Amino acid sequence: MLNASEMGRILAGVPTEATVFVSYTAGRPPTERAILEAQRWVQGQGMARRHFVGKLHRVWESKNGDLLLTILCDNRDKILPNGTLAPPNYRTINPNLGKLISLEIISMT
């Protein structure tokens, strides 16, 4: 498991738009919407719900002082105004709330 300071160390100097892989278990049960947004990737592609792949959007601090990581995930759909699903979608990772199992930089561009 990685804590917030280890996450910050790994991401220090990594540019936004870098491609990252994250294995993270949320600290709260998933909402029905989150399950729907992951469904195609979990059932159709066989990915674990805890796996996120996409572009680093930002590393930032919450109002509570937690260090957070936001990713524009290629393997999460968003619900479009017409009700269809399409990638990408944002996910925010909080190692102080959930369990950050793994964080890898896939590509810096």
N, C-alpha and C. Protein backbone atom coordinates (compact mmCIF):
# COMPACT_ATOMS: atom_id res chain seq x y z
N MET A 1 0.83 -1.18 0.00
CA MET A 1 0.00 0.00 0.00
C MET A 1 0.88 1.25 0.00
N LEU A 2 0.41 2.24 -0.71
CA LEU A 2 1.11 3.52 -0.75
C LEU A 2 0.32 4.55 0.05
N ASN A 3 1.01 5.39 0.79
CA ASN A 3 0.33 6.47 1.48
C ASN A 3 0.41 7.75 0.63
N ALA A 4 -0.17 8.81 1.11
CA ALA A 4 -0.23 10.05 0.34
C ALA A 4 1.15 10.63 0.06
N SER A 5 2.06 10.56 1.03
CA SER A 5 3.39 11.13 0.78
C SER A 5 4.15 10.30 -0.25
N GLU A 6 3.98 8.99 -0.24
CA GLU A 6 4.61 8.15 -1.27
C GLU A 6 4.03 8.45 -2.65
N MET A 7 2.70 8.67 -2.71
CA MET A 7 2.08 9.04 -3.97
C MET A 7 2.65 10.36 -4.47
N GLY A 8 2.79 11.33 -3.58
CA GLY A 8 3.36 12.63 -3.96
C GLY A 8 4.79 12.51 -4.45
N ARG A 9 5.57 11.64 -3.81
CA ARG A 9 6.96 11.43 -4.22
C ARG A 9 7.02 10.82 -5.61
N ILE A 10 6.17 9.83 -5.89
CA ILE A 10 6.15 9.18 -7.20
C ILE A 10 5.76 10.18 -8.29
N LEU A 11 4.83 11.07 -7.97
CA LEU A 11 4.30 12.00 -8.98
C LEU A 11 5.07 13.31 -9.07
N ALA A 12 6.04 13.51 -8.20
CA ALA A 12 6.82 14.76 -8.24
C ALA A 12 7.50 14.89 -9.60
N GLY A 13 7.26 15.99 -10.27
CA GLY A 13 7.89 16.25 -11.55
C GLY A 13 7.24 15.56 -12.74
N VAL A 14 6.21 14.77 -12.49
CA VAL A 14 5.51 14.10 -13.59
C VAL A 14 4.54 15.12 -14.20
N PRO A 15 4.63 15.32 -15.52
CA PRO A 15 3.77 16.32 -16.15
C PRO A 15 2.32 15.86 -16.25
N THR A 16 1.40 16.83 -16.24
CA THR A 16 0.02 16.47 -16.54
C THR A 16 0.00 15.91 -17.95
N GLU A 17 -0.93 15.09 -18.22
CA GLU A 17 -1.04 14.37 -19.49
C GLU A 17 -0.17 13.12 -19.52
N ALA A 18 0.64 12.87 -18.48
CA ALA A 18 1.37 11.61 -18.41
C ALA A 18 0.34 10.48 -18.26
N THR A 19 0.63 9.33 -18.83
CA THR A 19 -0.26 8.18 -18.70
C THR A 19 0.12 7.41 -17.44
N VAL A 20 -0.89 7.13 -16.62
CA VAL A 20 -0.67 6.44 -15.36
C VAL A 20 -1.57 5.21 -15.24
N PHE A 21 -1.11 4.28 -14.45
CA PHE A 21 -1.90 3.12 -14.05
C PHE A 21 -2.03 3.16 -12.54
N VAL A 22 -3.24 3.01 -12.04
CA VAL A 22 -3.49 3.03 -10.60
C VAL A 22 -4.32 1.82 -10.23
N SER A 23 -3.93 1.18 -9.15
CA SER A 23 -4.76 0.16 -8.53
C SER A 23 -5.18 0.74 -7.18
N TYR A 24 -6.49 0.96 -7.02
CA TYR A 24 -7.00 1.68 -5.86
C TYR A 24 -8.36 1.11 -5.46
N THR A 25 -8.50 0.84 -4.19
CA THR A 25 -9.79 0.43 -3.64
C THR A 25 -10.36 1.60 -2.86
N ALA A 26 -11.53 2.05 -3.28
CA ALA A 26 -12.15 3.22 -2.65
C ALA A 26 -12.49 2.94 -1.19
N GLY A 27 -12.54 4.01 -0.43
CA GLY A 27 -12.84 3.90 0.99
C GLY A 27 -14.33 3.86 1.29
N ARG A 28 -15.15 4.04 0.25
CA ARG A 28 -16.60 4.00 0.39
C ARG A 28 -17.15 3.02 -0.64
N PRO A 29 -18.33 2.47 -0.39
CA PRO A 29 -18.93 1.58 -1.40
C PRO A 29 -19.19 2.37 -2.69
N PRO A 30 -19.09 1.70 -3.85
CA PRO A 30 -19.34 2.40 -5.12
C PRO A 30 -20.81 2.78 -5.26
N THR A 31 -21.05 3.92 -5.88
CA THR A 31 -22.42 4.32 -6.18
C THR A 31 -22.92 3.52 -7.38
N GLU A 32 -24.20 3.52 -7.59
CA GLU A 32 -24.75 2.85 -8.78
C GLU A 32 -24.19 3.47 -10.05
N ARG A 33 -24.00 4.78 -10.03
CA ARG A 33 -23.45 5.47 -11.20
C ARG A 33 -22.02 5.01 -11.49
N ALA A 34 -21.20 4.91 -10.44
CA ALA A 34 -19.81 4.45 -10.60
C ALA A 34 -19.77 3.02 -11.14
N ILE A 35 -20.66 2.18 -10.68
CA ILE A 35 -20.73 0.81 -11.18
C ILE A 35 -21.10 0.80 -12.65
N LEU A 36 -22.07 1.62 -13.04
CA LEU A 36 -22.48 1.72 -14.44
C LEU A 36 -21.33 2.24 -15.31
N GLU A 37 -20.61 3.25 -14.82
CA GLU A 37 -19.51 3.84 -15.59
C GLU A 37 -18.33 2.87 -15.76
N ALA A 38 -18.20 1.90 -14.88
CA ALA A 38 -17.13 0.91 -14.98
C ALA A 38 -17.57 -0.38 -15.66
N GLN A 39 -18.86 -0.57 -15.81
CA GLN A 39 -19.42 -1.85 -16.24
C GLN A 39 -18.83 -2.39 -17.54
N ARG A 40 -18.73 -1.57 -18.56
CA ARG A 40 -18.22 -2.03 -19.85
C ARG A 40 -16.79 -2.54 -19.73
N TRP A 41 -16.01 -1.90 -18.90
CA TRP A 41 -14.60 -2.25 -18.75
C TRP A 41 -14.42 -3.47 -17.86
N VAL A 42 -15.27 -3.60 -16.86
CA VAL A 42 -15.18 -4.73 -15.93
C VAL A 42 -15.75 -6.00 -16.57
N GLN A 43 -16.97 -5.89 -17.09
CA GLN A 43 -17.61 -7.07 -17.67
C GLN A 43 -17.12 -7.34 -19.09
N GLY A 44 -17.02 -6.31 -19.90
CA GLY A 44 -16.66 -6.49 -21.30
C GLY A 44 -15.19 -6.72 -21.56
N GLN A 45 -14.32 -6.05 -20.78
CA GLN A 45 -12.88 -6.14 -21.01
C GLN A 45 -12.16 -6.97 -19.94
N GLY A 46 -12.86 -7.34 -18.89
CA GLY A 46 -12.26 -8.17 -17.86
C GLY A 46 -11.31 -7.44 -16.92
N MET A 47 -11.41 -6.11 -16.85
CA MET A 47 -10.55 -5.34 -15.94
C MET A 47 -11.12 -5.39 -14.53
N ALA A 48 -10.26 -5.31 -13.57
CA ALA A 48 -10.70 -5.21 -12.18
C ALA A 48 -11.25 -3.80 -11.95
N ARG A 49 -12.30 -3.69 -11.16
CA ARG A 49 -12.90 -2.38 -10.89
C ARG A 49 -11.90 -1.44 -10.21
N ARG A 50 -10.91 -2.00 -9.54
CA ARG A 50 -9.94 -1.17 -8.82
C ARG A 50 -8.85 -0.60 -9.74
N HIS A 51 -8.81 -0.99 -11.00
CA HIS A 51 -7.78 -0.53 -11.93
C HIS A 51 -8.24 0.67 -12.74
N PHE A 52 -7.37 1.66 -12.80
CA PHE A 52 -7.64 2.90 -13.54
C PHE A 52 -6.45 3.19 -14.44
N VAL A 53 -6.71 3.51 -15.70
CA VAL A 53 -5.67 3.84 -16.65
C VAL A 53 -6.08 5.12 -17.36
N GLY A 54 -5.17 6.09 -17.42
CA GLY A 54 -5.50 7.32 -18.12
C GLY A 54 -4.45 8.39 -17.94
N LYS A 55 -4.85 9.61 -18.23
CA LYS A 55 -3.95 10.76 -18.19
C LYS A 55 -4.01 11.43 -16.83
N LEU A 56 -2.84 11.74 -16.30
CA LEU A 56 -2.75 12.51 -15.06
C LEU A 56 -3.38 13.88 -15.32
N HIS A 57 -4.37 14.22 -14.55
CA HIS A 57 -5.03 15.52 -14.70
C HIS A 57 -4.44 16.54 -13.72
N ARG A 58 -4.39 16.14 -12.45
CA ARG A 58 -3.77 17.03 -11.46
C ARG A 58 -3.53 16.30 -10.15
N VAL A 59 -2.58 16.83 -9.40
CA VAL A 59 -2.31 16.42 -8.02
C VAL A 59 -2.61 17.65 -7.19
N TRP A 60 -3.46 17.50 -6.19
CA TRP A 60 -3.92 18.68 -5.47
C TRP A 60 -4.27 18.33 -4.02
N GLU A 61 -4.51 19.36 -3.26
CA GLU A 61 -4.82 19.19 -1.85
C GLU A 61 -6.28 19.55 -1.59
N SER A 62 -6.98 18.67 -0.89
CA SER A 62 -8.38 18.91 -0.55
C SER A 62 -8.51 19.96 0.55
N LYS A 63 -9.72 20.37 0.83
CA LYS A 63 -9.97 21.32 1.92
C LYS A 63 -9.51 20.75 3.26
N ASN A 64 -9.54 19.41 3.38
CA ASN A 64 -9.13 18.74 4.62
C ASN A 64 -7.62 18.55 4.70
N GLY A 65 -6.90 18.93 3.64
CA GLY A 65 -5.45 18.78 3.63
C GLY A 65 -4.97 17.46 3.06
N ASP A 66 -5.89 16.64 2.51
CA ASP A 66 -5.50 15.37 1.90
C ASP A 66 -4.90 15.61 0.52
N LEU A 67 -3.83 14.90 0.19
CA LEU A 67 -3.25 14.95 -1.14
C LEU A 67 -4.05 14.02 -2.04
N LEU A 68 -4.55 14.55 -3.15
CA LEU A 68 -5.40 13.82 -4.07
C LEU A 68 -4.78 13.75 -5.46
N LEU A 69 -5.17 12.75 -6.20
CA LEU A 69 -4.74 12.54 -7.57
C LEU A 69 -6.00 12.42 -8.43
N THR A 70 -6.12 13.24 -9.47
CA THR A 70 -7.24 13.13 -10.39
C THR A 70 -6.72 12.66 -11.74
N ILE A 71 -7.39 11.64 -12.27
CA ILE A 71 -7.01 11.01 -13.54
C ILE A 71 -8.18 11.12 -14.51
N LEU A 72 -7.89 11.41 -15.77
CA LEU A 72 -8.89 11.30 -16.83
C LEU A 72 -8.76 9.88 -17.37
N CYS A 73 -9.63 9.01 -16.91
CA CYS A 73 -9.51 7.57 -17.13
C CYS A 73 -10.06 7.14 -18.49
N ASP A 74 -9.21 6.44 -19.22
CA ASP A 74 -9.63 5.85 -20.49
C ASP A 74 -10.57 4.68 -20.27
N ASN A 75 -10.51 4.06 -19.11
CA ASN A 75 -11.33 2.88 -18.82
C ASN A 75 -12.49 3.17 -17.87
N ARG A 76 -13.02 4.37 -17.96
CA ARG A 76 -14.26 4.73 -17.27
C ARG A 76 -15.10 5.54 -18.23
N ASP A 77 -16.37 5.18 -18.30
CA ASP A 77 -17.30 5.90 -19.16
C ASP A 77 -17.93 7.05 -18.40
N LYS A 78 -18.43 8.02 -19.15
CA LYS A 78 -19.28 9.06 -18.57
C LYS A 78 -20.63 8.94 -19.25
N ILE A 79 -21.64 9.41 -18.57
CA ILE A 79 -22.99 9.38 -19.12
C ILE A 79 -23.19 10.66 -19.91
N LEU A 80 -23.40 10.52 -21.21
CA LEU A 80 -23.61 11.67 -22.09
C LEU A 80 -25.05 12.19 -21.96
N PRO A 81 -25.30 13.42 -22.39
CA PRO A 81 -26.66 13.98 -22.27
C PRO A 81 -27.75 13.11 -22.91
N ASN A 82 -27.40 12.36 -23.94
CA ASN A 82 -28.41 11.51 -24.59
C ASN A 82 -28.56 10.16 -23.89
N GLY A 83 -27.85 9.96 -22.77
CA GLY A 83 -27.97 8.74 -21.98
C GLY A 83 -27.01 7.63 -22.35
N THR A 84 -26.23 7.81 -23.41
CA THR A 84 -25.26 6.78 -23.77
C THR A 84 -23.99 6.93 -22.93
N LEU A 85 -23.17 5.92 -22.96
CA LEU A 85 -21.92 5.92 -22.21
C LEU A 85 -20.74 6.00 -23.17
N ALA A 86 -19.73 6.79 -22.80
CA ALA A 86 -18.52 6.92 -23.62
C ALA A 86 -17.35 7.35 -22.73
N PRO A 87 -16.15 6.83 -23.00
CA PRO A 87 -14.97 7.26 -22.25
C PRO A 87 -14.48 8.59 -22.80
N PRO A 88 -13.62 9.29 -22.11
CA PRO A 88 -13.08 9.03 -20.78
C PRO A 88 -13.92 9.69 -19.70
N ASN A 89 -13.56 9.44 -18.45
CA ASN A 89 -14.22 10.09 -17.32
C ASN A 89 -13.18 10.27 -16.20
N TYR A 90 -13.42 11.25 -15.36
CA TYR A 90 -12.49 11.58 -14.28
C TYR A 90 -12.73 10.68 -13.07
N ARG A 91 -11.62 10.37 -12.39
CA ARG A 91 -11.67 9.71 -11.09
C ARG A 91 -10.61 10.36 -10.21
N THR A 92 -10.98 10.54 -8.94
CA THR A 92 -10.05 11.12 -7.97
C THR A 92 -9.68 10.06 -6.95
N ILE A 93 -8.40 9.97 -6.69
CA ILE A 93 -7.82 8.97 -5.79
C ILE A 93 -7.39 9.67 -4.50
N ASN A 94 -7.83 9.15 -3.36
CA ASN A 94 -7.46 9.69 -2.06
C ASN A 94 -6.89 8.56 -1.20
N PRO A 95 -5.56 8.46 -1.11
CA PRO A 95 -4.96 7.38 -0.31
C PRO A 95 -5.27 7.45 1.17
N ASN A 96 -5.73 8.60 1.66
CA ASN A 96 -6.11 8.72 3.07
C ASN A 96 -7.50 8.16 3.32
N LEU A 97 -8.29 7.99 2.25
CA LEU A 97 -9.65 7.47 2.39
C LEU A 97 -9.73 6.01 1.96
N GLY A 98 -9.10 5.69 0.82
CA GLY A 98 -9.10 4.32 0.32
C GLY A 98 -7.72 3.71 0.41
N LYS A 99 -7.52 2.64 -0.33
CA LYS A 99 -6.23 1.94 -0.32
C LYS A 99 -5.59 2.07 -1.70
N LEU A 100 -4.47 2.77 -1.76
CA LEU A 100 -3.70 2.92 -2.99
C LEU A 100 -2.72 1.75 -3.04
N ILE A 101 -3.03 0.78 -3.88
CA ILE A 101 -2.25 -0.46 -3.94
C ILE A 101 -1.02 -0.27 -4.82
N SER A 102 -1.21 0.41 -5.96
CA SER A 102 -0.12 0.57 -6.90
C SER A 102 -0.32 1.84 -7.71
N LEU A 103 0.79 2.49 -8.05
CA LEU A 103 0.77 3.68 -8.91
C LEU A 103 1.98 3.60 -9.82
N GLU A 104 1.74 3.55 -11.12
CA GLU A 104 2.83 3.44 -12.09
C GLU A 104 2.69 4.51 -13.16
N ILE A 105 3.82 5.07 -13.55
CA ILE A 105 3.87 6.00 -14.67
C ILE A 105 4.13 5.16 -15.91
N ILE A 106 3.18 5.15 -16.83
CA ILE A 106 3.30 4.36 -18.05
C ILE A 106 4.07 5.12 -19.12
N SER A 107 3.74 6.40 -19.28
CA SER A 107 4.39 7.24 -20.28
C SER A 107 4.35 8.68 -19.82
N MET A 108 5.42 9.41 -20.09
CA MET A 108 5.48 10.82 -19.67
C MET A 108 4.86 11.76 -20.71
N THR A 109 4.44 11.24 -21.85
CA THR A 109 3.84 12.10 -22.87
C THR A 109 2.41 11.75 -23.13
